Amino acid sequence: MASFFRVCICIAFAGISLALYIAQQNIVIELRRKIPERNKELRELEQVLTELQYEVDSFERPIHLMQLRRKPEYGHLSYPQMKEITVLYAPEIEPEKS
């Protein structure tokens, strides 16, 4: 009778272990299914980032900035004088010691 009880406990333990393993594998498979979709989103975001970087670079070109300076809507802008410039110094941050 005691050996039958031990066999039942072993079978129950094996069944629970198998069920938990299958559940874990289902989670892994679901995550693997999402990888291509996430890669596609990543490529799209990288493309948008490249386009935006190109726009920023083309806007910040010195020639373009000089052309903007000549437009009437930017006529009120001028170069700052040295006495108008305020320099703020940030304290150095020391890395944590572990």
PDB file of N, CA and C in Angstrom:
ATOM      1  N   MET A   1       0.813  -1.177   0.000  1.00  0.00           N
ATOM      2  CA  MET A   1       0.000   0.000   0.000  1.00  0.00           C
ATOM      3  C   MET A   1       0.868   1.257   0.000  1.00  0.00           C
ATOM      4  N   ALA A   2       1.933   1.253   0.786  1.00  0.00           N
ATOM      5  CA  ALA A   2       2.824   2.407   0.875  1.00  0.00           C
ATOM      6  C   ALA A   2       3.534   2.628  -0.460  1.00  0.00           C
ATOM      7  N   SER A   3       3.914   1.553  -1.151  1.00  0.00           N
ATOM      8  CA  SER A   3       4.591   1.711  -2.445  1.00  0.00           C
ATOM      9  C   SER A   3       3.624   2.274  -3.490  1.00  0.00           C
ATOM     10  N   PHE A   4       2.362   1.869  -3.427  1.00  0.00           N
ATOM     11  CA  PHE A   4       1.352   2.412  -4.344  1.00  0.00           C
ATOM     12  C   PHE A   4       1.186   3.920  -4.117  1.00  0.00           C
ATOM     13  N   PHE A   5       1.188   4.332  -2.857  1.00  0.00           N
ATOM     14  CA  PHE A   5       1.066   5.744  -2.507  1.00  0.00           C
ATOM     15  C   PHE A   5       2.278   6.531  -3.025  1.00  0.00           C
ATOM     16  N   ARG A   6       3.470   5.971  -2.899  1.00  0.00           N
ATOM     17  CA  ARG A   6       4.680   6.616  -3.387  1.00  0.00           C
ATOM     18  C   ARG A   6       4.651   6.741  -4.913  1.00  0.00           C
ATOM     19  N   VAL A   7       4.191   5.718  -5.592  1.00  0.00           N
ATOM     20  CA  VAL A   7       4.095   5.760  -7.053  1.00  0.00           C
ATOM     21  C   VAL A   7       3.108   6.847  -7.475  1.00  0.00           C
ATOM     22  N   CYS A   8       1.997   6.954  -6.777  1.00  0.00           N
ATOM     23  CA  CYS A   8       1.002   7.987  -7.093  1.00  0.00           C
ATOM     24  C   CYS A   8       1.587   9.380  -6.887  1.00  0.00           C
ATOM     25  N   ILE A   9       2.330   9.557  -5.811  1.00  0.00           N
ATOM     26  CA  ILE A   9       2.964  10.854  -5.545  1.00  0.00           C
ATOM     27  C   ILE A   9       3.983  11.168  -6.632  1.00  0.00           C
ATOM     28  N   CYS A  10       4.773  10.191  -7.033  1.00  0.00           N
ATOM     29  CA  CYS A  10       5.771  10.395  -8.084  1.00  0.00           C
ATOM     30  C   CYS A  10       5.094  10.756  -9.414  1.00  0.00           C
ATOM     31  N   ILE A  11       4.013  10.060  -9.741  1.00  0.00           N
ATOM     32  CA  ILE A  11       3.288  10.351 -10.979  1.00  0.00           C
ATOM     33  C   ILE A  11       2.681  11.759 -10.925  1.00  0.00           C
ATOM     34  N   ALA A  12       2.122  12.117  -9.769  1.00  0.00           N
ATOM     35  CA  ALA A  12       1.550  13.455  -9.622  1.00  0.00           C
ATOM     36  C   ALA A  12       2.641  14.523  -9.739  1.00  0.00           C
ATOM     37  N   PHE A  13       3.775  14.297  -9.111  1.00  0.00           N
ATOM     38  CA  PHE A  13       4.880  15.239  -9.196  1.00  0.00           C
ATOM     39  C   PHE A  13       5.374  15.369 -10.626  1.00  0.00           C
ATOM     40  N   ALA A  14       5.510  14.245 -11.312  1.00  0.00           N
ATOM     41  CA  ALA A  14       5.945  14.269 -12.715  1.00  0.00           C
ATOM     42  C   ALA A  14       4.919  15.006 -13.578  1.00  0.00           C
ATOM     43  N   GLY A  15       3.642  14.793 -13.329  1.00  0.00           N
ATOM     44  CA  GLY A  15       2.597  15.478 -14.088  1.00  0.00           C
ATOM     45  C   GLY A  15       2.628  16.987 -13.877  1.00  0.00           C
ATOM     46  N   ILE A  16       2.787  17.400 -12.625  1.00  0.00           N
ATOM     47  CA  ILE A  16       2.859  18.835 -12.323  1.00  0.00           C
ATOM     48  C   ILE A  16       4.105  19.442 -12.962  1.00  0.00           C
ATOM     49  N   SER A  17       5.236  18.741 -12.867  1.00  0.00           N
ATOM     50  CA  SER A  17       6.474  19.234 -13.476  1.00  0.00           C
ATOM     51  C   SER A  17       6.314  19.374 -14.988  1.00  0.00           C
ATOM     52  N   LEU A  18       5.691  18.392 -15.620  1.00  0.00           N
ATOM     53  CA  LEU A  18       5.471  18.430 -17.061  1.00  0.00           C
ATOM     54  C   LEU A  18       4.537  19.587 -17.441  1.00  0.00           C
ATOM     55  N   ALA A  19       3.500  19.803 -16.661  1.00  0.00           N
ATOM     56  CA  ALA A  19       2.563  20.895 -16.945  1.00  0.00           C
ATOM     57  C   ALA A  19       3.264  22.239 -16.822  1.00  0.00           C
ATOM     58  N   LEU A  20       4.096  22.409 -15.803  1.00  0.00           N
ATOM     59  CA  LEU A  20       4.838  23.666 -15.635  1.00  0.00           C
ATOM     60  C   LEU A  20       5.847  23.865 -16.771  1.00  0.00           C
ATOM     61  N   TYR A  21       6.485  22.796 -17.193  1.00  0.00           N
ATOM     62  CA  TYR A  21       7.439  22.877 -18.303  1.00  0.00           C
ATOM     63  C   TYR A  21       6.725  23.279 -19.590  1.00  0.00           C
ATOM     64  N   ILE A  22       5.568  22.688 -19.845  1.00  0.00           N
ATOM     65  CA  ILE A  22       4.799  23.028 -21.047  1.00  0.00           C
ATOM     66  C   ILE A  22       4.338  24.481 -20.995  1.00  0.00           C
ATOM     67  N   ALA A  23       3.916  24.946 -19.846  1.00  0.00           N
ATOM     68  CA  ALA A  23       3.501  26.339 -19.712  1.00  0.00           C
ATOM     69  C   ALA A  23       4.671  27.285 -19.989  1.00  0.00           C
ATOM     70  N   GLN A  24       5.840  26.917 -19.482  1.00  0.00           N
ATOM     71  CA  GLN A  24       7.030  27.735 -19.720  1.00  0.00           C
ATOM     72  C   GLN A  24       7.387  27.734 -21.201  1.00  0.00           C
ATOM     73  N   GLN A  25       7.299  26.590 -21.846  1.00  0.00           N
ATOM     74  CA  GLN A  25       7.588  26.510 -23.273  1.00  0.00           C
ATOM     75  C   GLN A  25       6.588  27.322 -24.092  1.00  0.00           C
ATOM     76  N   ASN A  26       5.327  27.349 -23.671  1.00  0.00           N
ATOM     77  CA  ASN A  26       4.326  28.157 -24.364  1.00  0.00           C
ATOM     78  C   ASN A  26       4.684  29.642 -24.301  1.00  0.00           C
ATOM     79  N   ILE A  27       5.175  30.072 -23.153  1.00  0.00           N
ATOM     80  CA  ILE A  27       5.592  31.474 -23.006  1.00  0.00           C
ATOM     81  C   ILE A  27       6.765  31.769 -23.935  1.00  0.00           C
ATOM     82  N   VAL A  28       7.741  30.865 -23.973  1.00  0.00           N
ATOM     83  CA  VAL A  28       8.913  31.051 -24.828  1.00  0.00           C
ATOM     84  C   VAL A  28       8.502  31.091 -26.300  1.00  0.00           C
ATOM     85  N   ILE A  29       7.621  30.202 -26.704  1.00  0.00           N
ATOM     86  CA  ILE A  29       7.169  30.171 -28.097  1.00  0.00           C
ATOM     87  C   ILE A  29       6.426  31.452 -28.453  1.00  0.00           C
ATOM     88  N   GLU A  30       5.603  31.941 -27.545  1.00  0.00           N
ATOM     89  CA  GLU A  30       4.866  33.190 -27.794  1.00  0.00           C
ATOM     90  C   GLU A  30       5.841  34.353 -27.967  1.00  0.00           C
ATOM     91  N   LEU A  31       6.876  34.398 -27.156  1.00  0.00           N
ATOM     92  CA  LEU A  31       7.872  35.461 -27.295  1.00  0.00           C
ATOM     93  C   LEU A  31       8.647  35.328 -28.606  1.00  0.00           C
ATOM     94  N   ARG A  32       8.960  34.103 -29.010  1.00  0.00           N
ATOM     95  CA  ARG A  32       9.655  33.896 -30.280  1.00  0.00           C
ATOM     96  C   ARG A  32       8.788  34.303 -31.460  1.00  0.00           C
ATOM     97  N   ARG A  33       7.487  34.124 -31.340  1.00  0.00           N
ATOM     98  CA  ARG A  33       6.582  34.530 -32.414  1.00  0.00           C
ATOM     99  C   ARG A  33       6.566  36.046 -32.576  1.00  0.00           C
ATOM    100  N   LYS A  34       6.814  36.772 -31.503  1.00  0.00           N
ATOM    101  CA  LYS A  34       6.780  38.228 -31.546  1.00  0.00           C
ATOM    102  C   LYS A  34       8.084  38.840 -32.060  1.00  0.00           C
ATOM    103  N   ILE A  35       9.159  38.070 -32.122  1.00  0.00           N
ATOM    104  CA  ILE A  35      10.463  38.601 -32.526  1.00  0.00           C
ATOM    105  C   ILE A  35      10.438  39.204 -33.926  1.00  0.00           C
ATOM    106  N   PRO A  36       9.916  38.532 -34.956  1.00  0.00           N
ATOM    107  CA  PRO A  36       9.918  39.163 -36.292  1.00  0.00           C
ATOM    108  C   PRO A  36       9.112  40.465 -36.333  1.00  0.00           C
ATOM    109  N   GLU A  37       7.999  40.505 -35.626  1.00  0.00           N
ATOM    110  CA  GLU A  37       7.191  41.721 -35.581  1.00  0.00           C
ATOM    111  C   GLU A  37       7.967  42.860 -34.927  1.00  0.00           C
ATOM    112  N   ARG A  38       8.652  42.560 -33.842  1.00  0.00           N
ATOM    113  CA  ARG A  38       9.445  43.575 -33.156  1.00  0.00           C
ATOM    114  C   ARG A  38      10.633  44.023 -34.018  1.00  0.00           C
ATOM    115  N   ASN A  39      11.240  43.085 -34.756  1.00  0.00           N
ATOM    116  CA  ASN A  39      12.339  43.444 -35.646  1.00  0.00           C
ATOM    117  C   ASN A  39      11.856  44.396 -36.734  1.00  0.00           C
ATOM    118  N   LYS A  40      10.668  44.137 -37.255  1.00  0.00           N
ATOM    119  CA  LYS A  40      10.100  45.014 -38.276  1.00  0.00           C
ATOM    120  C   LYS A  40       9.867  46.413 -37.712  1.00  0.00           C
ATOM    121  N   GLU A  41       9.309  46.495 -36.507  1.00  0.00           N
ATOM    122  CA  GLU A  41       9.100  47.787 -35.858  1.00  0.00           C
ATOM    123  C   GLU A  41      10.433  48.495 -35.632  1.00  0.00           C
ATOM    124  N   LEU A  42      11.444  47.738 -35.219  1.00  0.00           N
ATOM    125  CA  LEU A  42      12.762  48.318 -34.978  1.00  0.00           C
ATOM    126  C   LEU A  42      13.350  48.887 -36.258  1.00  0.00           C
ATOM    127  N   ARG A  43      13.242  48.142 -37.368  1.00  0.00           N
ATOM    128  CA  ARG A  43      13.756  48.638 -38.646  1.00  0.00           C
ATOM    129  C   ARG A  43      13.028  49.907 -39.079  1.00  0.00           C
ATOM    130  N   GLU A  44      11.706  49.944 -38.874  1.00  0.00           N
ATOM    131  CA  GLU A  44      10.935  51.137 -39.224  1.00  0.00           C
ATOM    132  C   GLU A  44      11.363  52.339 -38.381  1.00  0.00           C
ATOM    133  N   LEU A  45      11.573  52.115 -37.084  1.00  0.00           N
ATOM    134  CA  LEU A  45      12.017  53.197 -36.215  1.00  0.00           C
ATOM    135  C   LEU A  45      13.421  53.679 -36.585  1.00  0.00           C
ATOM    136  N   GLU A  46      14.292  52.749 -36.956  1.00  0.00           N
ATOM    137  CA  GLU A  46      15.636  53.139 -37.379  1.00  0.00           C
ATOM    138  C   GLU A  46      15.576  53.964 -38.657  1.00  0.00           C
ATOM    139  N   GLN A  47      14.663  53.602 -39.569  1.00  0.00           N
ATOM    140  CA  GLN A  47      14.504  54.361 -40.808  1.00  0.00           C
ATOM    141  C   GLN A  47      14.008  55.779 -40.509  1.00  0.00           C
ATOM    142  N   VAL A  48      13.021  55.886 -39.618  1.00  0.00           N
ATOM    143  CA  VAL A  48      12.505  57.204 -39.234  1.00  0.00           C
ATOM    144  C   VAL A  48      13.609  58.010 -38.566  1.00  0.00           C
ATOM    145  N   LEU A  49      14.383  57.374 -37.704  1.00  0.00           N
ATOM    146  CA  LEU A  49      15.489  58.060 -37.037  1.00  0.00           C
ATOM    147  C   LEU A  49      16.503  58.571 -38.055  1.00  0.00           C
ATOM    148  N   THR A  50      16.807  57.774 -39.064  1.00  0.00           N
ATOM    149  CA  THR A  50      17.745  58.192 -40.101  1.00  0.00           C
ATOM    150  C   THR A  50      17.196  59.391 -40.864  1.00  0.00           C
ATOM    151  N   GLU A  51      15.909  59.346 -41.205  1.00  0.00           N
ATOM    152  CA  GLU A  51      15.291  60.467 -41.920  1.00  0.00           C
ATOM    153  C   GLU A  51      15.311  61.735 -41.070  1.00  0.00           C
ATOM    154  N   LEU A  52      14.974  61.604 -39.796  1.00  0.00           N
ATOM    155  CA  LEU A  52      14.982  62.768 -38.913  1.00  0.00           C
ATOM    156  C   LEU A  52      16.389  63.321 -38.727  1.00  0.00           C
ATOM    157  N   GLN A  53      17.366  62.438 -38.622  1.00  0.00           N
ATOM    158  CA  GLN A  53      18.750  62.891 -38.484  1.00  0.00           C
ATOM    159  C   GLN A  53      19.189  63.647 -39.731  1.00  0.00           C
ATOM    160  N   TYR A  54      18.760  63.172 -40.904  1.00  0.00           N
ATOM    161  CA  TYR A  54      19.084  63.877 -42.147  1.00  0.00           C
ATOM    162  C   TYR A  54      18.453  65.266 -42.148  1.00  0.00           C
ATOM    163  N   GLU A  55      17.193  65.363 -41.707  1.00  0.00           N
ATOM    164  CA  GLU A  55      16.528  66.660 -41.654  1.00  0.00           C
ATOM    165  C   GLU A  55      17.242  67.617 -40.693  1.00  0.00           C
ATOM    166  N   VAL A  56      17.640  67.102 -39.535  1.00  0.00           N
ATOM    167  CA  VAL A  56      18.353  67.940 -38.565  1.00  0.00           C
ATOM    168  C   VAL A  56      19.682  68.396 -39.147  1.00  0.00           C
ATOM    169  N   ASP A  57      20.412  67.474 -39.763  1.00  0.00           N
ATOM    170  CA  ASP A  57      21.708  67.833 -40.346  1.00  0.00           C
ATOM    171  C   ASP A  57      21.555  68.858 -41.458  1.00  0.00           C
ATOM    172  N   SER A  58      20.537  68.690 -42.305  1.00  0.00           N
ATOM    173  CA  SER A  58      20.350  69.642 -43.395  1.00  0.00           C
ATOM    174  C   SER A  58      19.890  70.999 -42.855  1.00  0.00           C
ATOM    175  N   PHE A  59      19.121  71.007 -41.776  1.00  0.00           N
ATOM    176  CA  PHE A  59      18.679  72.275 -41.191  1.00  0.00           C
ATOM    177  C   PHE A  59      19.835  73.000 -40.514  1.00  0.00           C
ATOM    178  N   GLU A  60      20.727  72.261 -39.880  1.00  0.00           N
ATOM    179  CA  GLU A  60      21.816  72.877 -39.123  1.00  0.00           C
ATOM    180  C   GLU A  60      23.043  73.210 -39.968  1.00  0.00           C
ATOM    181  N   ARG A  61      22.964  72.991 -41.272  1.00  0.00           N
ATOM    182  CA  ARG A  61      24.096  73.357 -42.125  1.00  0.00           C
ATOM    183  C   ARG A  61      24.343  74.854 -41.992  1.00  0.00           C
ATOM    184  N   PRO A  62      25.580  75.269 -41.945  1.00  0.00           N
ATOM    185  CA  PRO A  62      25.871  76.703 -41.810  1.00  0.00           C
ATOM    186  C   PRO A  62      25.258  77.540 -42.935  1.00  0.00           C
ATOM    187  N   ILE A  63      25.268  77.037 -44.151  1.00  0.00           N
ATOM    188  CA  ILE A  63      24.710  77.796 -45.275  1.00  0.00           C
ATOM    189  C   ILE A  63      23.210  78.017 -45.066  1.00  0.00           C
ATOM    190  N   HIS A  64      22.522  76.983 -44.632  1.00  0.00           N
ATOM    191  CA  HIS A  64      21.081  77.108 -44.400  1.00  0.00           C
ATOM    192  C   HIS A  64      20.793  78.073 -43.258  1.00  0.00           C
ATOM    193  N   LEU A  65      21.575  78.005 -42.215  1.00  0.00           N
ATOM    194  CA  LEU A  65      21.380  78.921 -41.086  1.00  0.00           C
ATOM    195  C   LEU A  65      21.629  80.374 -41.494  1.00  0.00           C
ATOM    196  N   MET A  66      22.613  80.597 -42.363  1.00  0.00           N
ATOM    197  CA  MET A  66      22.867  81.948 -42.841  1.00  0.00           C
ATOM    198  C   MET A  66      21.707  82.437 -43.715  1.00  0.00           C
ATOM    199  N   GLN A  67      21.109  81.540 -44.491  1.00  0.00           N
ATOM    200  CA  GLN A  67      19.944  81.913 -45.296  1.00  0.00           C
ATOM    201  C   GLN A  67      18.762  82.261 -44.399  1.00  0.00           C
ATOM    202  N   LEU A  68      18.569  81.506 -43.331  1.00  0.00           N
ATOM    203  CA  LEU A  68      17.485  81.808 -42.393  1.00  0.00           C
ATOM    204  C   LEU A  68      17.705  83.162 -41.715  1.00  0.00           C
ATOM    205  N   ARG A  69      18.948  83.486 -41.448  1.00  0.00           N
ATOM    206  CA  ARG A  69      19.275  84.741 -40.772  1.00  0.00           C
ATOM    207  C   ARG A  69      18.850  85.939 -41.603  1.00  0.00           C
ATOM    208  N   ARG A  70      18.870  85.786 -42.909  1.00  0.00           N
ATOM    209  CA  ARG A  70      18.511  86.897 -43.796  1.00  0.00           C
ATOM    210  C   ARG A  70      16.998  87.078 -43.929  1.00  0.00           C
ATOM    211  N   LYS A  71      16.212  86.114 -43.488  1.00  0.00           N
ATOM    212  CA  LYS A  71      14.752  86.223 -43.612  1.00  0.00           C
ATOM    213  C   LYS A  71      14.223  87.223 -42.586  1.00  0.00           C
ATOM    214  N   PRO A  72      13.138  87.923 -42.923  1.00  0.00           N
ATOM    215  CA  PRO A  72      12.623  88.958 -42.019  1.00  0.00           C
ATOM    216  C   PRO A  72      12.107  88.411 -40.683  1.00  0.00           C
ATOM    217  N   GLU A  73      11.552  87.199 -40.663  1.00  0.00           N
ATOM    218  CA  GLU A  73      11.015  86.680 -39.398  1.00  0.00           C
ATOM    219  C   GLU A  73      12.096  86.355 -38.373  1.00  0.00           C
ATOM    220  N   TYR A  74      13.367  86.276 -38.834  1.00  0.00           N
ATOM    221  CA  TYR A  74      14.468  86.019 -37.906  1.00  0.00           C
ATOM    222  C   TYR A  74      15.354  87.252 -37.744  1.00  0.00           C
ATOM    223  N   GLY A  75      14.906  88.403 -38.212  1.00  0.00           N
ATOM    224  CA  GLY A  75      15.702  89.627 -38.160  1.00  0.00           C
ATOM    225  C   GLY A  75      15.976  90.108 -36.747  1.00  0.00           C
ATOM    226  N   HIS A  76      15.129  89.763 -35.806  1.00  0.00           N
ATOM    227  CA  HIS A  76      15.320  90.211 -34.422  1.00  0.00           C
ATOM    228  C   HIS A  76      16.430  89.439 -33.709  1.00  0.00           C
ATOM    229  N   LEU A  77      16.874  88.345 -34.286  1.00  0.00           N
ATOM    230  CA  LEU A  77      17.934  87.549 -33.652  1.00  0.00           C
ATOM    231  C   LEU A  77      19.294  88.178 -33.925  1.00  0.00           C
ATOM    232  N   SER A  78      20.161  88.090 -32.949  1.00  0.00           N
ATOM    233  CA  SER A  78      21.517  88.613 -33.109  1.00  0.00           C
ATOM    234  C   SER A  78      22.491  87.697 -32.376  1.00  0.00           C
ATOM    235  N   TYR A  79      23.763  87.910 -32.658  1.00  0.00           N
ATOM    236  CA  TYR A  79      24.774  87.127 -31.961  1.00  0.00           C
ATOM    237  C   TYR A  79      24.876  87.611 -30.517  1.00  0.00           C
ATOM    238  N   PRO A  80      25.031  86.730 -29.554  1.00  0.00           N
ATOM    239  CA  PRO A  80      25.134  87.172 -28.156  1.00  0.00           C
ATOM    240  C   PRO A  80      26.504  87.783 -27.863  1.00  0.00           C
ATOM    241  N   GLN A  81      26.499  88.740 -26.981  1.00  0.00           N
ATOM    242  CA  GLN A  81      27.745  89.339 -26.512  1.00  0.00           C
ATOM    243  C   GLN A  81      28.319  88.446 -25.415  1.00  0.00           C
ATOM    244  N   MET A  82      29.604  88.539 -25.199  1.00  0.00           N
ATOM    245  CA  MET A  82      30.242  87.712 -24.170  1.00  0.00           C
ATOM    246  C   MET A  82      29.651  87.973 -22.786  1.00  0.00           C
ATOM    247  N   LYS A  83      29.254  89.231 -22.498  1.00  0.00           N
ATOM    248  CA  LYS A  83      28.690  89.531 -21.186  1.00  0.00           C
ATOM    249  C   LYS A  83      27.275  88.964 -21.032  1.00  0.00           C
ATOM    250  N   GLU A  84      26.620  88.593 -22.144  1.00  0.00           N
ATOM    251  CA  GLU A  84      25.275  88.017 -22.096  1.00  0.00           C
ATOM    252  C   GLU A  84      25.279  86.503 -21.907  1.00  0.00           C
ATOM    253  N   ILE A  85      26.434  85.902 -22.062  1.00  0.00           N
ATOM    254  CA  ILE A  85      26.534  84.438 -21.980  1.00  0.00           C
ATOM    255  C   ILE A  85      26.746  84.029 -20.533  1.00  0.00           C
ATOM    256  N   THR A  86      25.904  83.122 -20.065  1.00  0.00           N
ATOM    257  CA  THR A  86      26.034  82.589 -18.717  1.00  0.00           C
ATOM    258  C   THR A  86      26.459  81.128 -18.816  1.00  0.00           C
ATOM    259  N   VAL A  87      27.529  80.791 -18.139  1.00  0.00           N
ATOM    260  CA  VAL A  87      28.040  79.427 -18.170  1.00  0.00           C
ATOM    261  C   VAL A  87      27.688  78.758 -16.850  1.00  0.00           C
ATOM    262  N   LEU A  88      27.049  77.608 -16.923  1.00  0.00           N
ATOM    263  CA  LEU A  88      26.697  76.848 -15.723  1.00  0.00           C
ATOM    264  C   LEU A  88      27.571  75.608 -15.659  1.00  0.00           C
ATOM    265  N   TYR A  89      28.169  75.397 -14.529  1.00  0.00           N
ATOM    266  CA  TYR A  89      29.017  74.229 -14.335  1.00  0.00           C
ATOM    267  C   TYR A  89      28.265  73.221 -13.471  1.00  0.00           C
ATOM    268  N   ALA A  90      28.239  71.992 -13.931  1.00  0.00           N
ATOM    269  CA  ALA A  90      27.583  70.931 -13.173  1.00  0.00           C
ATOM    270  C   ALA A  90      28.639  70.218 -12.327  1.00  0.00           C
ATOM    271  N   PRO A  91      28.281  69.834 -11.119  1.00  0.00           N
ATOM    272  CA  PRO A  91      29.246  69.096 -10.297  1.00  0.00           C
ATOM    273  C   PRO A  91      29.511  67.729 -10.920  1.00  0.00           C
ATOM    274  N   GLU A  92      30.738  67.299 -10.773  1.00  0.00           N
ATOM    275  CA  GLU A  92      31.086  65.989 -11.325  1.00  0.00           C
ATOM    276  C   GLU A  92      30.428  64.901 -10.488  1.00  0.00           C
ATOM    277  N   ILE A  93      29.937  63.899 -11.165  1.00  0.00           N
ATOM    278  CA  ILE A  93      29.282  62.791 -10.483  1.00  0.00           C
ATOM    279  C   ILE A  93      30.262  61.642 -10.397  1.00  0.00           C
ATOM    280  N   GLU A  94      30.496  61.196  -9.184  1.00  0.00           N
ATOM    281  CA  GLU A  94      31.418  60.084  -8.985  1.00  0.00           C
ATOM    282  C   GLU A  94      30.655  58.768  -9.093  1.00  0.00           C
ATOM    283  N   PRO A  95      31.241  57.777  -9.774  1.00  0.00           N
ATOM    284  CA  PRO A  95      30.552  56.491  -9.883  1.00  0.00           C
ATOM    285  C   PRO A  95      30.473  55.792  -8.525  1.00  0.00           C
ATOM    286  N   GLU A  96      29.408  55.035  -8.366  1.00  0.00           N
ATOM    287  CA  GLU A  96      29.234  54.302  -7.109  1.00  0.00           C
ATOM    288  C   GLU A  96      30.264  53.191  -7.000  1.00  0.00           C
ATOM    289  N   LYS A  97      30.772  53.013  -5.805  1.00  0.00           N
ATOM    290  CA  LYS A  97      31.732  51.935  -5.570  1.00  0.00           C
ATOM    291  C   LYS A  97      30.954  50.700  -5.110  1.00  0.00           C
ATOM    292  N   SER A  98      31.245  49.598  -5.790  1.00  0.00           N
ATOM    293  CA  SER A  98      30.528  48.373  -5.391  1.00  0.00           C
ATOM    294  C   SER A  98      31.431  47.400  -4.721  1.00  0.00           C
TER     295      SER A  98
END
